[in-house]
Amino acid sequence: MNEKIRLDTGVFTISLDFELIWGTLDLFGPEKFRRACELERSVVIDRLLDLFVEFEVSATWCIVGHLFLDRCDLKDGLKHPEIVRPAHGWHTGDWFDHDPCSNYEAAGIFYGRDLVDKIRDCPAPQEIGSHSFSHVIFGDEGCSRATAESELAECVRLAREQGITLRSFAFPRNVVGHLDVLREYGFACYRGAEPNWYERPGFPESLRRLFRLADVLRVARPPVVLPEVDGSGLLNIPGSAVYFPMHGMRRYLPLSLRTGRAMKGLDAAARARRVFHLWFHPTNLPNPEDEMEAMFAGLRRILERAAELRERGGLKILPMEALADLCANTRGGEERSEAAHEFAGAIN
């Protein structure tokens, strides 16, 4: 039976799915979102880190493992032979067909070692977590246990080479799977699905999108959550809301709808001593490019409100790892990691 963890204060957690082109490669190839990824690489990451420094926010960056590389090469004529290929029904050909096997200077949307360094060295300590190695969909039947193991083994190996211990995980496309494998590879927590009734497994994705849009239009308060220890022994920190993007028809929705929902979530978390877990893809901020300033302005307003609530003593701003350690302490169990001590020292 899952165990929900009660908190003595509200918590605001931000997790980012940092993937550059890898998040859409299996669906659209490398061209459709190339410009957004180029802007993410050249502008967005720096601006996000500047905001986090300004407001003393430690976020969790769940990073696709391939971005830990600054280059890659064929091995015996194969691309990444260490990765057991998934068998996703919508994807034909080899999973790494689009991988250029080049370097970040020639193909920057595929590599991110320099950006990982920036995030790790940010003056406001940031947590680096995982988003798989190549954006395999863990909860899909085409992802075998062997695939999940090979993806996580490579992520953990690359992170350790850079002095990073991975403890938090965001599932690609939020489809949860292979929790036992996550635990075996040393992870402590993950971002689970938002606890809205329409996010239940099996609900049609087309209808999910309609209900998500309806919640934004009516500025519905997002769910504020309690972390819970699940049957695998991992801590599930469910998402509360995505920072709604502005591409497509969504660009016509006023920014106030997005920020209004987040304000309600922050206030409710502080009031109910629960977690408001906001998540987004950095690629969404410059997509479309002419709405990037609006997206950053809205994020600034959200962080301003969170900082106000923190100043009043009703809210902590914690990355996923530090929240996991707080929950472990609440349960009277494990010791906090060195990273959690660093986060706490920087925030308090």
Protein backbone atom coordinates (compact mmCIF):
# COMPACT_ATOMS: atom_id res chain seq x y z
CA MET A 1 0.00 0.00 0.00
CA ASN A 2 1.30 3.45 -0.89
CA GLU A 3 2.26 5.74 1.99
CA LYS A 4 1.56 9.46 1.66
CA ILE A 5 4.03 11.73 3.44
CA ARG A 6 2.62 14.65 5.43
CA LEU A 7 4.61 17.90 5.37
CA ASP A 8 4.97 20.67 7.94
CA THR A 9 5.01 23.40 5.29
CA GLY A 10 4.07 24.00 1.69
CA VAL A 11 6.62 23.16 -1.01
CA PHE A 12 7.11 24.50 -4.51
CA THR A 13 9.00 22.16 -6.83
CA ILE A 14 10.02 22.84 -10.42
CA SER A 15 11.14 20.04 -12.71
CA LEU A 16 12.29 20.59 -16.27
CA ASP A 17 12.42 17.99 -19.02
CA PHE A 18 15.64 19.02 -20.74
CA GLU A 19 15.95 17.08 -23.98
CA LEU A 20 16.72 19.44 -26.89
CA ILE A 21 15.71 17.55 -30.07
CA TRP A 22 15.53 14.12 -28.44
CA GLY A 23 12.00 14.62 -27.11
CA THR A 24 10.39 14.80 -30.55
CA LEU A 25 12.89 12.95 -32.74
CA ASP A 26 10.87 9.73 -32.94
CA LEU A 27 7.74 11.62 -33.99
CA PHE A 28 8.89 14.44 -36.27
CA GLY A 29 12.56 13.96 -37.07
CA PRO A 30 15.16 16.69 -36.45
CA GLU A 31 13.73 19.56 -38.52
CA LYS A 32 10.32 20.55 -37.16
CA PHE A 33 11.62 21.87 -33.83
CA ARG A 34 15.17 22.67 -34.89
CA ARG A 35 14.79 26.44 -34.46
CA ALA A 36 13.23 26.09 -30.99
CA CYS A 37 16.07 23.80 -29.94
CA GLU A 38 18.69 26.17 -31.31
CA LEU A 39 17.14 29.00 -29.28
CA GLU A 40 16.96 26.75 -26.23
CA ARG A 41 20.66 26.10 -26.60
CA SER A 42 21.75 29.70 -27.32
CA VAL A 43 19.33 31.75 -25.19
CA VAL A 44 16.82 29.86 -23.05
CA ILE A 45 19.09 27.91 -20.69
CA ASP A 46 21.08 31.02 -19.74
CA ARG A 47 17.91 33.04 -19.13
CA LEU A 48 16.36 30.30 -17.02
CA LEU A 49 19.47 29.99 -14.88
CA ASP A 50 19.59 33.79 -14.47
CA LEU A 51 15.98 33.73 -13.23
CA PHE A 52 16.72 30.91 -10.81
CA VAL A 53 19.71 32.82 -9.46
CA GLU A 54 17.70 36.04 -9.10
CA PHE A 55 14.96 34.33 -7.10
CA GLU A 56 17.22 31.78 -5.35
CA VAL A 57 15.39 28.83 -6.84
CA SER A 58 16.85 25.33 -7.02
CA ALA A 59 15.05 23.31 -9.69
CA THR A 60 15.40 19.74 -10.93
CA TRP A 61 16.72 19.40 -14.46
CA CYS A 62 15.76 15.96 -15.76
CA ILE A 63 18.23 15.63 -18.62
CA VAL A 64 18.31 13.19 -21.52
CA GLY A 65 21.54 11.24 -21.12
CA HIS A 66 22.75 11.87 -24.68
CA LEU A 67 23.07 15.55 -23.69
CA PHE A 68 25.86 14.60 -21.30
CA LEU A 69 27.94 14.03 -24.43
CA ASP A 70 29.81 16.61 -26.49
CA ARG A 71 30.31 14.08 -29.29
CA CYS A 72 29.70 10.45 -30.20
CA ASP A 73 31.06 8.03 -32.78
CA LEU A 74 30.17 4.79 -34.48
CA LYS A 75 31.41 1.68 -32.70
CA ASP A 76 32.05 -1.19 -35.07
CA GLY A 77 29.70 0.51 -37.49
CA LEU A 78 26.87 0.89 -34.95
CA LYS A 79 25.38 3.89 -33.17
CA HIS A 80 25.30 3.38 -29.38
CA PRO A 81 25.44 -0.44 -29.45
CA GLU A 82 25.26 -0.44 -25.64
CA ILE A 83 21.58 0.59 -25.84
CA VAL A 84 19.04 -2.19 -26.37
CA ARG A 85 16.64 -0.76 -28.94
CA PRO A 86 12.99 -0.25 -28.02
CA ALA A 87 10.25 -1.66 -30.25
CA HIS A 88 7.82 1.27 -30.19
CA GLY A 89 5.01 0.62 -32.63
CA TRP A 90 4.98 4.13 -34.10
CA HIS A 91 8.68 4.17 -34.98
CA THR A 92 10.24 2.32 -37.90
CA GLY A 93 13.93 1.90 -38.57
CA ASP A 94 16.73 2.04 -36.03
CA TRP A 95 16.03 4.11 -32.90
CA PHE A 96 19.22 6.12 -33.49
CA ASP A 97 18.76 6.71 -37.22
CA HIS A 98 18.75 10.51 -36.76
CA ASP A 99 21.76 10.59 -34.42
CA PRO A 100 24.46 12.37 -36.47
CA CYS A 101 27.35 10.73 -34.59
CA SER A 102 29.07 14.11 -34.70
CA ASN A 103 29.80 16.79 -32.08
CA TYR A 104 28.13 19.76 -30.42
CA GLU A 105 29.79 22.28 -32.70
CA ALA A 106 28.41 20.66 -35.85
CA ALA A 107 25.10 19.32 -34.47
CA GLY A 108 24.38 21.23 -31.27
CA ILE A 109 20.74 20.19 -30.90
CA PHE A 110 21.87 16.59 -30.24
CA TYR A 111 24.57 17.31 -27.62
CA GLY A 112 24.62 19.30 -24.40
CA ARG A 113 27.75 18.67 -22.35
CA ASP A 114 28.48 22.41 -22.19
CA LEU A 115 24.91 23.12 -21.04
CA VAL A 116 25.05 20.41 -18.37
CA ASP A 117 28.22 22.11 -17.09
CA LYS A 118 26.39 25.45 -16.92
CA ILE A 119 23.52 23.94 -14.97
CA ARG A 120 25.85 22.11 -12.57
CA ASP A 121 27.91 25.26 -11.95
CA CYS A 122 24.94 27.62 -11.44
CA PRO A 123 25.38 29.84 -8.33
CA ALA A 124 21.89 28.79 -7.22
CA PRO A 125 22.47 25.03 -6.82
CA GLN A 126 20.46 23.03 -9.33
CA GLU A 127 19.70 19.33 -9.18
CA ILE A 128 20.55 17.24 -12.23
CA GLY A 129 18.25 14.28 -12.68
CA SER A 130 17.49 11.93 -15.56
CA HIS A 131 15.02 11.80 -18.44
CA SER A 132 16.36 8.50 -19.86
CA PHE A 133 19.29 8.30 -22.30
CA SER A 134 17.46 8.72 -25.61
CA HIS A 135 13.84 9.49 -24.68
CA VAL A 136 12.64 5.90 -24.80
CA ILE A 137 9.03 5.64 -23.55
CA PHE A 138 9.47 3.50 -20.44
CA GLY A 139 5.79 2.75 -19.92
CA ASP A 140 5.17 1.62 -23.49
CA GLU A 141 5.06 -2.12 -24.18
CA GLY A 142 7.84 -1.64 -26.71
CA CYS A 143 10.29 -0.75 -23.94
CA SER A 144 11.59 -4.02 -22.53
CA ARG A 145 13.29 -4.36 -19.18
CA ALA A 146 16.58 -4.83 -21.05
CA THR A 147 16.00 -1.52 -22.88
CA ALA A 148 15.24 0.31 -19.64
CA GLU A 149 18.32 -1.18 -17.96
CA SER A 150 20.61 -0.21 -20.83
CA GLU A 151 19.25 3.35 -20.91
CA LEU A 152 19.66 3.88 -17.18
CA ALA A 153 23.07 2.21 -17.04
CA GLU A 154 24.40 4.62 -19.65
CA CYS A 155 22.83 7.64 -17.93
CA VAL A 156 24.33 6.70 -14.58
CA ARG A 157 27.74 6.01 -16.14
CA LEU A 158 27.92 9.35 -17.97
CA ALA A 159 26.72 11.28 -14.93
CA ARG A 160 29.27 9.64 -12.64
CA GLU A 161 32.06 10.55 -15.05
CA GLN A 162 31.08 14.17 -14.43
CA GLY A 163 30.77 13.79 -10.66
CA ILE A 164 26.96 13.70 -10.68
CA THR A 165 24.74 11.23 -8.84
CA LEU A 166 21.30 10.82 -10.42
CA ARG A 167 18.45 10.45 -7.93
CA SER A 168 15.39 11.99 -9.62
CA PHE A 169 13.66 10.85 -12.80
CA ALA A 170 11.02 12.25 -15.15
CA PHE A 171 9.51 9.70 -17.50
CA PRO A 172 9.50 10.60 -21.19
CA ARG A 173 5.97 11.73 -22.09
CA ASN A 174 5.08 11.08 -18.44
CA VAL A 175 4.41 7.38 -19.12
CA VAL A 176 5.55 5.54 -16.00
CA GLY A 177 7.22 2.15 -16.28
CA HIS A 178 10.01 -0.10 -14.95
CA LEU A 179 10.04 1.44 -11.47
CA ASP A 180 11.94 -1.55 -10.13
CA VAL A 181 14.75 -0.84 -12.60
CA LEU A 182 14.89 2.80 -11.48
CA ARG A 183 15.32 1.66 -7.91
CA GLU A 184 18.07 -0.79 -8.85
CA TYR A 185 20.02 2.04 -10.47
CA GLY A 186 19.93 4.22 -7.38
CA PHE A 187 17.06 6.57 -8.05
CA ALA A 188 15.09 7.86 -5.07
CA CYS A 189 12.11 9.62 -6.64
CA TYR A 190 10.24 10.34 -9.84
CA ARG A 191 7.60 12.69 -11.14
CA GLY A 192 4.34 10.79 -11.38
CA ALA A 193 1.28 11.67 -13.41
CA GLU A 194 -0.85 14.61 -12.40
CA PRO A 195 -3.67 13.35 -10.16
CA ASN A 196 -6.46 14.50 -12.47
CA TRP A 197 -9.07 11.90 -13.31
CA TYR A 198 -8.43 12.27 -17.04
CA GLU A 199 -4.73 11.40 -16.62
CA ARG A 200 -5.53 7.81 -15.68
CA PRO A 201 -3.94 5.10 -17.85
CA GLY A 202 -6.03 4.18 -20.86
CA PHE A 203 -7.83 7.51 -21.18
CA PRO A 204 -7.66 8.70 -24.84
CA GLU A 205 -4.93 11.27 -25.40
CA SER A 206 -7.16 13.42 -27.63
CA LEU A 207 -9.69 13.78 -24.82
CA ARG A 208 -6.93 14.43 -22.29
CA ARG A 209 -5.84 17.44 -24.33
CA LEU A 210 -9.37 18.81 -24.36
CA PHE A 211 -9.75 18.52 -20.59
CA ARG A 212 -6.31 20.06 -20.01
CA LEU A 213 -7.32 22.99 -22.19
CA ALA A 214 -10.62 23.30 -20.33
CA ASP A 215 -8.77 23.53 -17.01
CA VAL A 216 -6.59 26.33 -18.38
CA LEU A 217 -9.56 28.22 -19.84
CA ARG A 218 -11.43 28.20 -16.54
CA VAL A 219 -8.25 28.87 -14.54
CA ALA A 220 -8.90 25.77 -12.48
CA ARG A 221 -6.69 25.39 -9.43
CA PRO A 222 -4.12 22.68 -10.15
CA PRO A 223 -3.95 19.78 -7.71
CA VAL A 224 -1.54 20.20 -4.84
CA VAL A 225 -0.09 16.87 -3.86
CA LEU A 226 1.48 14.82 -1.12
CA PRO A 227 4.55 12.78 -2.04
CA GLU A 228 3.97 9.07 -1.59
CA VAL A 229 6.16 6.01 -1.26
CA ASP A 230 4.89 3.50 -3.79
CA GLY A 231 5.14 -0.27 -3.96
CA SER A 232 8.61 -0.10 -5.51
CA GLY A 233 9.95 1.85 -2.53
CA LEU A 234 10.47 4.99 -4.66
CA LEU A 235 8.96 8.35 -3.79
CA ASN A 236 6.36 9.51 -6.27
CA ILE A 237 6.21 13.32 -6.46
CA PRO A 238 3.24 13.79 -8.78
CA GLY A 239 3.15 16.71 -11.16
CA SER A 240 0.60 19.41 -10.44
CA ALA A 241 0.59 21.33 -13.73
CA VAL A 242 2.63 21.99 -16.83
CA TYR A 243 3.55 25.59 -17.60
CA PHE A 244 1.21 25.61 -20.59
CA PRO A 245 3.05 26.31 -23.88
CA MET A 246 2.01 28.85 -26.51
CA HIS A 247 2.57 27.01 -29.77
CA GLY A 248 -0.29 26.29 -32.13
CA MET A 249 -3.74 27.52 -31.18
CA ARG A 250 -2.60 27.80 -27.56
CA ARG A 251 -0.81 31.05 -28.37
CA TYR A 252 -4.20 32.80 -28.39
CA LEU A 253 -4.81 31.99 -24.73
CA PRO A 254 -3.98 35.00 -22.52
CA LEU A 255 -0.84 34.65 -20.43
CA SER A 256 -2.93 35.49 -17.36
CA LEU A 257 -4.64 32.08 -17.61
CA ARG A 258 -1.30 30.34 -17.23
CA THR A 259 -0.01 32.50 -14.40
CA GLY A 260 -3.40 32.56 -12.68
CA ARG A 261 -3.46 28.78 -12.38
CA ALA A 262 0.08 28.73 -11.01
CA MET A 263 -0.73 31.42 -8.42
CA LYS A 264 -3.68 29.36 -7.23
CA GLY A 265 -1.44 26.31 -6.97
CA LEU A 266 1.21 28.16 -4.98
CA ASP A 267 -1.33 29.66 -2.58
CA ALA A 268 -3.03 26.29 -2.08
CA ALA A 269 0.28 24.54 -1.41
CA ALA A 270 1.20 27.09 1.25
CA ARG A 271 -2.24 26.93 2.82
CA ALA A 272 -2.64 23.14 2.82
CA ARG A 273 1.05 22.26 3.44
CA ARG A 274 1.27 20.33 0.23
CA VAL A 275 3.41 20.37 -2.91
CA PHE A 276 2.79 22.44 -6.00
CA HIS A 277 4.91 20.70 -8.65
CA LEU A 278 5.26 22.77 -11.83
CA TRP A 279 7.01 21.24 -14.82
CA PHE A 280 7.81 22.18 -18.40
CA HIS A 281 10.19 21.73 -21.30
CA PRO A 282 12.66 24.58 -21.86
CA THR A 283 12.04 24.04 -25.59
CA ASN A 284 8.48 25.27 -25.09
CA LEU A 285 9.58 28.76 -24.03
CA PRO A 286 10.80 29.90 -27.48
CA ASN A 287 8.15 28.00 -29.45
CA PRO A 288 6.92 30.15 -31.15
CA GLU A 289 9.87 32.53 -31.05
CA ASP A 290 7.77 35.70 -30.96
CA GLU A 291 6.08 34.56 -27.74
CA MET A 292 9.31 33.85 -25.84
CA GLU A 293 9.25 37.15 -23.96
CA ALA A 294 5.69 36.53 -22.81
CA MET A 295 6.56 33.04 -21.59
CA PHE A 296 9.52 34.36 -19.60
CA ALA A 297 7.40 37.21 -18.20
CA GLY A 298 4.83 34.71 -16.96
CA LEU A 299 7.50 32.53 -15.38
CA ARG A 300 8.92 35.60 -13.64
CA ARG A 301 5.52 36.36 -12.11
CA ILE A 302 5.23 32.80 -10.84
CA LEU A 303 8.67 32.94 -9.23
CA GLU A 304 7.93 36.33 -7.70
CA ARG A 305 4.83 34.89 -6.03
CA ALA A 306 6.72 31.83 -4.81
CA ALA A 307 9.45 34.06 -3.35
CA GLU A 308 6.81 36.14 -1.53
CA LEU A 309 5.28 33.05 0.05
CA ARG A 310 8.72 31.79 1.02
CA GLU A 311 9.52 35.12 2.66
CA ARG A 312 6.35 34.80 4.74
CA GLY A 313 7.45 31.36 5.92
CA GLY A 314 4.64 29.39 4.32
CA LEU A 315 6.51 27.82 1.45
CA LYS A 316 9.83 26.11 0.75
CA ILE A 317 11.24 25.94 -2.77
CA LEU A 318 12.94 22.57 -3.16
CA PRO A 319 14.16 20.39 -6.02
CA MET A 320 12.90 16.83 -6.15
CA GLU A 321 15.97 15.29 -4.49
CA ALA A 322 15.81 17.63 -1.49
CA LEU A 323 12.07 16.98 -1.15
CA ALA A 324 12.76 13.24 -1.22
CA ASP A 325 15.30 13.64 1.56
CA LEU A 326 12.89 15.79 3.56
CA CYS A 327 10.29 13.02 3.25
CA ALA A 328 12.85 10.40 4.29
CA ASN A 329 13.66 12.46 7.38
CA THR A 330 9.95 12.83 8.12
CA ARG A 331 9.64 9.05 8.03
CA GLY A 332 12.63 8.83 10.40
CA GLY A 333 14.69 6.85 7.94
CA GLU A 334 17.53 7.58 5.56
CA GLU A 335 20.15 10.25 5.97
CA ARG A 336 20.09 13.22 3.68
CA SER A 337 22.47 13.25 0.74
CA GLU A 338 25.28 15.78 0.48
CA ALA A 339 23.40 17.40 -2.37
CA ALA A 340 20.33 17.91 -0.20
CA HIS A 341 22.45 19.60 2.47
CA GLU A 342 23.82 21.91 -0.19
CA PHE A 343 20.34 22.76 -1.43
CA ALA A 344 19.10 23.41 2.08
CA GLY A 345 22.05 25.62 2.90
CA ALA A 346 21.57 27.69 -0.21
CA ILE A 347 17.84 28.12 0.27
CA ASN A 348 17.44 28.64 4.01
